[in-house]
C-alpha atoms as a PDB file:
ATOM      1  CA  MET A   1      61.759-192.626 -61.201  1.00  0.00           C
ATOM      2  CA  LEU A   2      63.648-191.818 -58.008  1.00  0.00           C
ATOM      3  CA  SER A   3      66.959-190.008 -58.181  1.00  0.00           C
ATOM      4  CA  PHE A   4      69.551-189.043 -55.596  1.00  0.00           C
ATOM      5  CA  VAL A   5      72.719-187.293 -56.823  1.00  0.00           C
ATOM      6  CA  ASP A   6      74.105-189.836 -59.314  1.00  0.00           C
ATOM      7  CA  ASN A   7      71.955-192.812 -58.289  1.00  0.00           C
ATOM      8  CA  GLY A   8      68.680-193.439 -60.049  1.00  0.00           C
ATOM      9  CA  LEU A   9      65.958-195.987 -59.565  1.00  0.00           C
ATOM     10  CA  ILE A  10      63.204-196.903 -62.017  1.00  0.00           C
ATOM     11  CA  ILE A  11      60.358-198.755 -60.329  1.00  0.00           C
ATOM     12  CA  THR A  12      57.472-200.664 -61.820  1.00  0.00           C
ATOM     13  CA  GLN A  13      54.837-202.752 -60.093  1.00  0.00           C
ATOM     14  CA  ASN A  14      52.877-205.423 -61.858  1.00  0.00           C
ATOM     15  CA  LYS A  15      51.717-208.992 -61.277  1.00  0.00           C
ATOM     16  CA  SER A  16      53.349-210.042 -64.543  1.00  0.00           C
ATOM     17  CA  ILE A  17      57.146-210.049 -64.914  1.00  0.00           C
ATOM     18  CA  LEU A  18      56.775-209.682 -68.682  1.00  0.00           C
ATOM     19  CA  SER A  19      54.601-206.576 -68.252  1.00  0.00           C
ATOM     20  CA  SER A  20      57.078-205.168 -65.745  1.00  0.00           C
ATOM     21  CA  ASN A  21      59.971-205.750 -68.142  1.00  0.00           C
ATOM     22  CA  SER A  22      58.007-204.055 -70.929  1.00  0.00           C
ATOM     23  CA  GLN A  23      57.339-201.025 -68.713  1.00  0.00           C
ATOM     24  CA  LEU A  24      60.990-200.913 -67.605  1.00  0.00           C
ATOM     25  CA  PHE A  25      62.115-201.067 -71.241  1.00  0.00           C
ATOM     26  CA  CYS A  26      59.898-198.098 -72.157  1.00  0.00           C
ATOM     27  CA  SER A  27      60.959-196.133 -69.072  1.00  0.00           C
ATOM     28  CA  TYR A  28      64.637-196.802 -69.774  1.00  0.00           C
ATOM     29  CA  ASN A  29      64.157-195.587 -73.345  1.00  0.00           C
ATOM     30  CA  VAL A  30      62.467-192.341 -72.239  1.00  0.00           C
ATOM     31  CA  LEU A  31      65.053-191.721 -69.519  1.00  0.00           C
ATOM     32  CA  SER A  32      67.972-192.437 -71.845  1.00  0.00           C
ATOM     33  CA  ASN A  33      66.592-190.019 -74.465  1.00  0.00           C
ATOM     34  CA  LEU A  34      65.976-187.284 -71.895  1.00  0.00           C
ATOM     35  CA  LEU A  35      69.463-187.606 -70.456  1.00  0.00           C
ATOM     36  CA  THR A  36      70.978-187.556 -73.951  1.00  0.00           C
ATOM     37  CA  ASP A  37      69.071-184.333 -74.694  1.00  0.00           C
ATOM     38  CA  PHE A  38      70.699-182.793 -71.594  1.00  0.00           C
ATOM     39  CA  GLY A  39      74.149-184.042 -72.599  1.00  0.00           C
ATOM     40  CA  LEU A  40      74.221-186.817 -69.984  1.00  0.00           C
ATOM     41  CA  VAL A  41      74.467-190.594 -70.307  1.00  0.00           C
ATOM     42  CA  ILE A  42      73.395-193.658 -68.349  1.00  0.00           C
ATOM     43  CA  GLU A  43      76.289-195.789 -67.152  1.00  0.00           C
ATOM     44  CA  HIS A  44      75.112-199.113 -68.558  1.00  0.00           C
ATOM     45  CA  GLY A  45      77.663-201.034 -66.489  1.00  0.00           C
ATOM     46  CA  LYS A  46      76.016-199.810 -63.289  1.00  0.00           C
ATOM     47  CA  THR A  47      72.482-200.599 -64.417  1.00  0.00           C
ATOM     48  CA  GLU A  48      70.812-203.427 -62.476  1.00  0.00           C
ATOM     49  CA  ILE A  49      67.373-204.962 -62.096  1.00  0.00           C
ATOM     50  CA  PHE A  50      65.766-206.729 -59.182  1.00  0.00           C
ATOM     51  CA  HIS A  51      62.323-208.327 -59.017  1.00  0.00           C
ATOM     52  CA  PHE A  52      60.507-208.606 -55.720  1.00  0.00           C
ATOM     53  CA  ASN A  53      58.445-211.769 -55.527  1.00  0.00           C
ATOM     54  CA  ARG A  54      56.087-213.232 -52.945  1.00  0.00           C
ATOM     55  CA  SER A  55      56.424-216.843 -54.055  1.00  0.00           C
ATOM     56  CA  HIS A  56      58.290-219.205 -51.773  1.00  0.00           C
ATOM     57  CA  GLY A  57      59.344-221.591 -54.517  1.00  0.00           C
ATOM     58  CA  ALA A  58      61.905-221.349 -57.260  1.00  0.00           C
ATOM     59  CA  PHE A  59      61.831-217.976 -58.993  1.00  0.00           C
ATOM     60  CA  ASN A  60      63.710-217.438 -62.239  1.00  0.00           C
ATOM     61  CA  PRO A  61      62.621-214.162 -63.885  1.00  0.00           C
ATOM     62  CA  PRO A  62      63.627-213.483 -67.484  1.00  0.00           C
ATOM     63  CA  PRO A  63      66.368-210.952 -68.291  1.00  0.00           C
ATOM     64  CA  LEU A  64      65.590-207.455 -69.523  1.00  0.00           C
ATOM     65  CA  ASN A  65      67.085-206.961 -72.988  1.00  0.00           C
ATOM     66  CA  LEU A  66      68.035-203.316 -73.536  1.00  0.00           C
ATOM     67  CA  THR A  67      70.315-203.931 -76.529  1.00  0.00           C
ATOM     68  CA  PRO A  68      67.836-202.346 -79.009  1.00  0.00           C
ATOM     69  CA  LEU A  69      68.335-199.123 -77.010  1.00  0.00           C
ATOM     70  CA  GLY A  70      72.118-199.439 -76.909  1.00  0.00           C
ATOM     71  CA  GLY A  71      72.060-200.829 -73.385  1.00  0.00           C
ATOM     72  CA  PRO A  72      73.009-204.198 -71.912  1.00  0.00           C
ATOM     73  CA  ILE A  73      71.040-207.360 -71.253  1.00  0.00           C
ATOM     74  CA  LEU A  74      70.172-207.114 -67.564  1.00  0.00           C
ATOM     75  CA  TYR A  75      69.923-210.291 -65.537  1.00  0.00           C
ATOM     76  CA  PRO A  76      67.960-209.999 -62.275  1.00  0.00           C
ATOM     77  CA  LYS A  77      70.114-210.081 -59.147  1.00  0.00           C
ATOM     78  CA  ASP A  78      69.404-212.052 -55.977  1.00  0.00           C
ATOM     79  CA  SER A  79      70.231-209.079 -53.743  1.00  0.00           C
ATOM     80  CA  TRP A  80      70.345-205.368 -54.318  1.00  0.00           C
ATOM     81  CA  LYS A  81      72.024-202.456 -52.518  1.00  0.00           C
ATOM     82  CA  TYR A  82      70.594-198.967 -52.851  1.00  0.00           C
ATOM     83  CA  LEU A  83      71.877-195.988 -50.885  1.00  0.00           C
ATOM     84  CA  GLY A  84      73.319-198.250 -48.198  1.00  0.00           C
ATOM     85  CA  PHE A  85      70.222-200.440 -47.806  1.00  0.00           C
ATOM     86  CA  PHE A  86      70.292-204.110 -48.770  1.00  0.00           C
ATOM     87  CA  PHE A  87      67.237-205.790 -50.300  1.00  0.00           C
ATOM     88  CA  ASP A  88      66.986-209.539 -50.815  1.00  0.00           C
END
């Protein structure tokens, strides 16, 4: 977990997208519970996911379903901006 003022980033690294999504789900759950304990909340509308991939062909990763935790279904984005840096 990286955090800067009101921007947070949860990172996982794995060769399997399904394993990564499972780890992100667990991390999101822990983070959400910790923030709730401190009287804070995650802005679900600002929550995004992005998968880096080395393949040169078509890449269609599955969404991350956070609805059991009260969050949204997150669909991976093609590009991502974090603290003024663009990743694609």
